[in-house]
C-alpha atoms as a PDB file:
ATOM      1  CA  MET A   1      41.369 -73.491 -87.878  1.00  0.00           C
ATOM      2  CA  PHE A   2      42.674 -69.070 -86.877  1.00  0.00           C
ATOM      3  CA  THR A   3      45.751 -69.463 -85.897  1.00  0.00           C
ATOM      4  CA  SER A   4      49.057 -66.812 -85.813  1.00  0.00           C
ATOM      5  CA  ASP A   5      50.628 -69.311 -88.097  1.00  0.00           C
ATOM      6  CA  SER A   6      47.600 -69.651 -90.609  1.00  0.00           C
ATOM      7  CA  LEU A   7      44.728 -69.341 -91.992  1.00  0.00           C
ATOM      8  CA  TYR A   8      42.872 -72.685 -93.503  1.00  0.00           C
ATOM      9  CA  ALA A   9      45.127 -72.681 -95.832  1.00  0.00           C
ATOM     10  CA  PRO A  10      49.230 -73.436 -95.217  1.00  0.00           C
ATOM     11  CA  GLY A  11      51.358 -69.781 -97.274  1.00  0.00           C
ATOM     12  CA  LEU A  12      47.278 -67.976 -97.015  1.00  0.00           C
ATOM     13  CA  LYS A  13      48.666 -64.012 -97.754  1.00  0.00           C
ATOM     14  CA  THR A  14      47.773 -61.759 -95.640  1.00  0.00           C
ATOM     15  CA  LEU A  15      48.060 -57.852 -95.153  1.00  0.00           C
ATOM     16  CA  HIS A  16      49.487 -58.034 -91.448  1.00  0.00           C
ATOM     17  CA  GLN A  17      50.721 -60.800 -88.963  1.00  0.00           C
ATOM     18  CA  LEU A  18      47.572 -62.504 -87.343  1.00  0.00           C
ATOM     19  CA  THR A  19      47.958 -62.185 -84.055  1.00  0.00           C
ATOM     20  CA  PHE A  20      46.675 -63.993 -80.988  1.00  0.00           C
ATOM     21  CA  GLU A  21      47.155 -62.969 -77.388  1.00  0.00           C
ATOM     22  CA  VAL A  22      46.098 -65.340 -74.379  1.00  0.00           C
ATOM     23  CA  TYR A  23      44.523 -63.323 -71.573  1.00  0.00           C
ATOM     24  CA  LYS A  24      43.187 -66.373 -69.476  1.00  0.00           C
ATOM     25  CA  ASN A  25      44.179 -70.015 -70.110  1.00  0.00           C
ATOM     26  CA  GLY A  26      41.323 -72.230 -70.877  1.00  0.00           C
ATOM     27  CA  LYS A  27      40.058 -75.064 -73.573  1.00  0.00           C
ATOM     28  CA  VAL A  28      36.777 -74.606 -74.627  1.00  0.00           C
ATOM     29  CA  ASP A  29      33.418 -75.262 -77.223  1.00  0.00           C
ATOM     30  CA  GLY A  30      30.876 -73.338 -77.517  1.00  0.00           C
ATOM     31  CA  CYS A  31      28.852 -71.249 -80.532  1.00  0.00           C
ATOM     32  CA  LEU A  32      30.249 -67.664 -81.400  1.00  0.00           C
ATOM     33  CA  ILE A  33      27.967 -64.820 -79.989  1.00  0.00           C
ATOM     34  CA  GLY A  34      28.472 -61.494 -80.184  1.00  0.00           C
ATOM     35  CA  GLY A  35      29.126 -58.568 -82.383  1.00  0.00           C
ATOM     36  CA  ASN A  36      30.073 -54.607 -81.919  1.00  0.00           C
ATOM     37  CA  LEU A  37      30.227 -54.593 -77.829  1.00  0.00           C
ATOM     38  CA  PHE A  38      28.207 -50.947 -78.104  1.00  0.00           C
ATOM     39  CA  VAL A  39      25.438 -52.955 -80.133  1.00  0.00           C
ATOM     40  CA  ILE A  40      25.601 -55.631 -77.535  1.00  0.00           C
ATOM     41  CA  ASN A  41      24.915 -54.201 -75.015  1.00  0.00           C
ATOM     42  CA  ASN A  42      22.040 -52.151 -76.737  1.00  0.00           C
ATOM     43  CA  LEU A  43      20.448 -55.521 -77.303  1.00  0.00           C
ATOM     44  CA  LEU A  44      20.496 -56.254 -73.261  1.00  0.00           C
ATOM     45  CA  ALA A  45      17.042 -55.345 -72.346  1.00  0.00           C
ATOM     46  CA  THR A  46      14.944 -56.196 -75.416  1.00  0.00           C
ATOM     47  CA  LYS A  47      13.295 -59.268 -76.886  1.00  0.00           C
ATOM     48  CA  TYR A  48      16.903 -59.570 -79.088  1.00  0.00           C
ATOM     49  CA  LYS A  49      18.868 -60.273 -76.324  1.00  0.00           C
ATOM     50  CA  PRO A  50      20.873 -63.129 -77.499  1.00  0.00           C
ATOM     51  CA  ASN A  51      21.078 -66.545 -74.955  1.00  0.00           C
ATOM     52  CA  LEU A  52      25.127 -65.930 -74.505  1.00  0.00           C
ATOM     53  CA  GLU A  53      24.791 -69.248 -72.173  1.00  0.00           C
ATOM     54  CA  GLY A  54      27.993 -71.628 -72.678  1.00  0.00           C
ATOM     55  CA  SER A  55      28.503 -69.229 -76.177  1.00  0.00           C
ATOM     56  CA  LEU A  56      31.753 -67.962 -77.037  1.00  0.00           C
ATOM     57  CA  LEU A  57      31.606 -64.651 -76.590  1.00  0.00           C
ATOM     58  CA  PHE A  58      33.363 -62.536 -79.293  1.00  0.00           C
ATOM     59  CA  TRP A  59      32.599 -58.510 -79.823  1.00  0.00           C
ATOM     60  CA  GLU A  60      34.945 -55.386 -81.021  1.00  0.00           C
ATOM     61  CA  ASP A  61      35.237 -51.639 -80.264  1.00  0.00           C
ATOM     62  CA  VAL A  62      36.087 -48.601 -82.113  1.00  0.00           C
ATOM     63  CA  ASP A  63      36.155 -44.884 -81.473  1.00  0.00           C
ATOM     64  CA  ASP A  64      34.709 -45.083 -78.576  1.00  0.00           C
ATOM     65  CA  GLY A  65      37.637 -44.794 -75.532  1.00  0.00           C
ATOM     66  CA  LEU A  66      38.921 -47.134 -72.715  1.00  0.00           C
ATOM     67  CA  ALA A  67      36.678 -45.672 -70.359  1.00  0.00           C
ATOM     68  CA  SER A  68      33.180 -46.029 -72.124  1.00  0.00           C
ATOM     69  CA  VAL A  69      34.833 -49.869 -73.205  1.00  0.00           C
ATOM     70  CA  GLU A  70      35.913 -49.874 -69.456  1.00  0.00           C
ATOM     71  CA  PHE A  71      31.503 -49.325 -68.643  1.00  0.00           C
ATOM     72  CA  GLN A  72      30.190 -51.130 -71.294  1.00  0.00           C
ATOM     73  CA  LEU A  73      32.256 -54.277 -70.196  1.00  0.00           C
ATOM     74  CA  ASN A  74      31.163 -53.625 -66.542  1.00  0.00           C
ATOM     75  CA  GLN A  75      27.511 -52.790 -67.669  1.00  0.00           C
ATOM     76  CA  LEU A  76      27.576 -56.603 -69.345  1.00  0.00           C
ATOM     77  CA  LYS A  77      29.245 -58.365 -66.168  1.00  0.00           C
ATOM     78  CA  LEU A  78      26.317 -56.831 -64.126  1.00  0.00           C
ATOM     79  CA  SER A  79      23.602 -57.607 -66.127  1.00  0.00           C
ATOM     80  CA  GLY A  80      24.722 -61.452 -65.539  1.00  0.00           C
ATOM     81  CA  ALA A  81      24.830 -61.719 -69.620  1.00  0.00           C
ATOM     82  CA  LEU A  82      28.752 -63.101 -68.221  1.00  0.00           C
ATOM     83  CA  GLU A  83      27.254 -65.478 -65.359  1.00  0.00           C
ATOM     84  CA  GLY A  84      27.450 -68.518 -68.535  1.00  0.00           C
ATOM     85  CA  ILE A  85      29.298 -67.792 -71.531  1.00  0.00           C
ATOM     86  CA  GLY A  86      32.128 -70.352 -72.283  1.00  0.00           C
ATOM     87  CA  GLY A  87      34.472 -68.097 -73.156  1.00  0.00           C
ATOM     88  CA  MET A  88      35.879 -64.681 -74.824  1.00  0.00           C
ATOM     89  CA  VAL A  89      37.237 -63.500 -77.569  1.00  0.00           C
ATOM     90  CA  ILE A  90      38.355 -60.152 -77.676  1.00  0.00           C
ATOM     91  CA  GLY A  91      39.152 -58.162 -81.540  1.00  0.00           C
ATOM     92  CA  GLU A  92      40.792 -55.438 -82.090  1.00  0.00           C
ATOM     93  CA  VAL A  93      39.682 -52.448 -79.658  1.00  0.00           C
ATOM     94  CA  VAL A  94      40.517 -49.600 -81.670  1.00  0.00           C
ATOM     95  CA  HIS A  95      40.550 -45.945 -79.290  1.00  0.00           C
ATOM     96  CA  GLU A  96      41.443 -42.180 -79.655  1.00  0.00           C
ATOM     97  CA  GLY A  97      42.544 -39.915 -77.024  1.00  0.00           C
ATOM     98  CA  GLU A  98      44.811 -40.990 -73.799  1.00  0.00           C
ATOM     99  CA  LYS A  99      45.168 -43.740 -73.234  1.00  0.00           C
ATOM    100  CA  THR A 100      45.237 -44.182 -68.835  1.00  0.00           C
ATOM    101  CA  ARG A 101      44.497 -47.551 -68.408  1.00  0.00           C
ATOM    102  CA  ASP A 102      45.872 -50.835 -70.260  1.00  0.00           C
ATOM    103  CA  LEU A 103      42.457 -53.257 -71.958  1.00  0.00           C
ATOM    104  CA  LYS A 104      43.733 -56.432 -70.563  1.00  0.00           C
ATOM    105  CA  GLU A 105      44.283 -54.737 -66.995  1.00  0.00           C
ATOM    106  CA  ILE A 106      40.392 -53.429 -67.984  1.00  0.00           C
ATOM    107  CA  ILE A 107      39.277 -57.600 -68.842  1.00  0.00           C
ATOM    108  CA  LEU A 108      41.464 -59.307 -65.900  1.00  0.00           C
ATOM    109  CA  GLU A 109      40.318 -57.167 -64.292  1.00  0.00           C
ATOM    110  CA  LEU A 110      36.368 -57.336 -64.922  1.00  0.00           C
ATOM    111  CA  THR A 111      37.025 -60.974 -65.404  1.00  0.00           C
ATOM    112  CA  GLY A 112      37.986 -61.974 -62.585  1.00  0.00           C
ATOM    113  CA  ASP A 113      35.595 -63.875 -60.598  1.00  0.00           C
ATOM    114  CA  TYR A 114      35.207 -66.227 -63.817  1.00  0.00           C
ATOM    115  CA  ASP A 115      37.751 -68.945 -65.346  1.00  0.00           C
ATOM    116  CA  PHE A 116      36.162 -68.711 -68.780  1.00  0.00           C
ATOM    117  CA  PRO A 117      39.032 -68.688 -71.744  1.00  0.00           C
ATOM    118  CA  ILE A 118      39.506 -65.090 -72.612  1.00  0.00           C
ATOM    119  CA  ILE A 119      41.737 -64.094 -76.783  1.00  0.00           C
ATOM    120  CA  LYS A 120      42.536 -60.827 -77.719  1.00  0.00           C
ATOM    121  CA  THR A 121      43.176 -61.186 -81.716  1.00  0.00           C
ATOM    122  CA  ASN A 122      43.367 -58.794 -84.802  1.00  0.00           C
ATOM    123  CA  ILE A 123      41.132 -61.138 -86.989  1.00  0.00           C
ATOM    124  CA  PHE A 124      38.322 -59.077 -86.495  1.00  0.00           C
ATOM    125  CA  GLY A 125      36.984 -55.217 -85.862  1.00  0.00           C
ATOM    126  CA  HIS A 126      36.019 -52.108 -87.810  1.00  0.00           C
ATOM    127  CA  LYS A 127      38.807 -50.379 -88.864  1.00  0.00           C
ATOM    128  CA  THR A 128      40.954 -54.010 -89.702  1.00  0.00           C
ATOM    129  CA  LEU A 129      42.630 -53.551 -93.278  1.00  0.00           C
ATOM    130  CA  ASP A 130      42.458 -57.763 -93.472  1.00  0.00           C
ATOM    131  CA  PHE A 131      39.699 -59.120 -91.570  1.00  0.00           C
ATOM    132  CA  TYR A 132      37.367 -62.649 -91.553  1.00  0.00           C
ATOM    133  CA  PRO A 133      34.529 -62.656 -90.969  1.00  0.00           C
ATOM    134  CA  ILE A 134      33.307 -64.776 -87.640  1.00  0.00           C
ATOM    135  CA  PRO A 135      30.405 -66.877 -88.101  1.00  0.00           C
ATOM    136  CA  ILE A 136      27.609 -66.506 -85.966  1.00  0.00           C
ATOM    137  CA  GLY A 137      26.157 -69.821 -84.061  1.00  0.00           C
ATOM    138  CA  VAL A 138      29.227 -71.462 -85.717  1.00  0.00           C
ATOM    139  CA  LYS A 139      30.753 -74.278 -82.499  1.00  0.00           C
ATOM    140  CA  ALA A 140      33.450 -73.205 -81.899  1.00  0.00           C
ATOM    141  CA  GLN A 141      36.999 -74.140 -80.544  1.00  0.00           C
ATOM    142  CA  ILE A 142      39.249 -71.599 -77.905  1.00  0.00           C
ATOM    143  CA  ASP A 143      42.271 -73.441 -77.381  1.00  0.00           C
ATOM    144  CA  THR A 144      44.936 -71.263 -75.456  1.00  0.00           C
ATOM    145  CA  SER A 145      47.232 -74.738 -75.162  1.00  0.00           C
ATOM    146  CA  GLY A 146      50.057 -73.751 -78.132  1.00  0.00           C
ATOM    147  CA  SER A 147      48.589 -72.597 -80.543  1.00  0.00           C
ATOM    148  CA  GLU A 148      46.618 -69.827 -78.584  1.00  0.00           C
ATOM    149  CA  SER A 149      43.734 -70.643 -81.211  1.00  0.00           C
ATOM    150  CA  LEU A 150      40.501 -70.009 -82.312  1.00  0.00           C
ATOM    151  CA  LYS A 151      38.872 -72.827 -84.805  1.00  0.00           C
ATOM    152  CA  ILE A 152      35.924 -73.880 -85.887  1.00  0.00           C
ATOM    153  CA  LEU A 153      34.521 -76.751 -85.223  1.00  0.00           C
ATOM    154  CA  GLU A 154      31.428 -77.106 -87.951  1.00  0.00           C
ATOM    155  CA  SER A 155      30.522 -75.714 -91.454  1.00  0.00           C
ATOM    156  CA  VAL A 156      29.404 -72.626 -92.093  1.00  0.00           C
ATOM    157  CA  PHE A 157      27.612 -73.470 -95.091  1.00  0.00           C
ATOM    158  CA  ILE A 158      24.133 -75.731 -94.777  1.00  0.00           C
ATOM    159  CA  ARG A 159      24.197 -79.240 -96.367  1.00  0.00           C
ATOM    160  CA  GLU A 160      21.370 -80.207 -98.478  1.00  0.00           C
END
């Protein structure tokens, strides 16, 4: 379980404090699908577009600026890609330049019509020093009631 207190083992040493911020409350199970926001958007009009129905969409972004993040999220919304997702996990969003709007404000504005839970964390991203791999396609759970966690529900390894 990824929580703000531990990761898989009590006392695990990390380079920085794990953080989870709740943008929207809720509890949901789904398969983890995602990656870099720019890459996800580039797959939308191709045969490689991921099936996001019921998924926990995770994404991160680097060096594009908040205006670009807003544009890309709006593109996901207008394409219908956000319609069926179960939840959203936002990783590190590193941006340079002038900050005219807050990331949380942008996210809440663009997802205002949806009821899925949203959490923001520092456990993954391009420039995250102490990152944790997010396994694509594995069942997981977002739960904002208490420990604000992202919990992996199944093994990421094949068993024979």
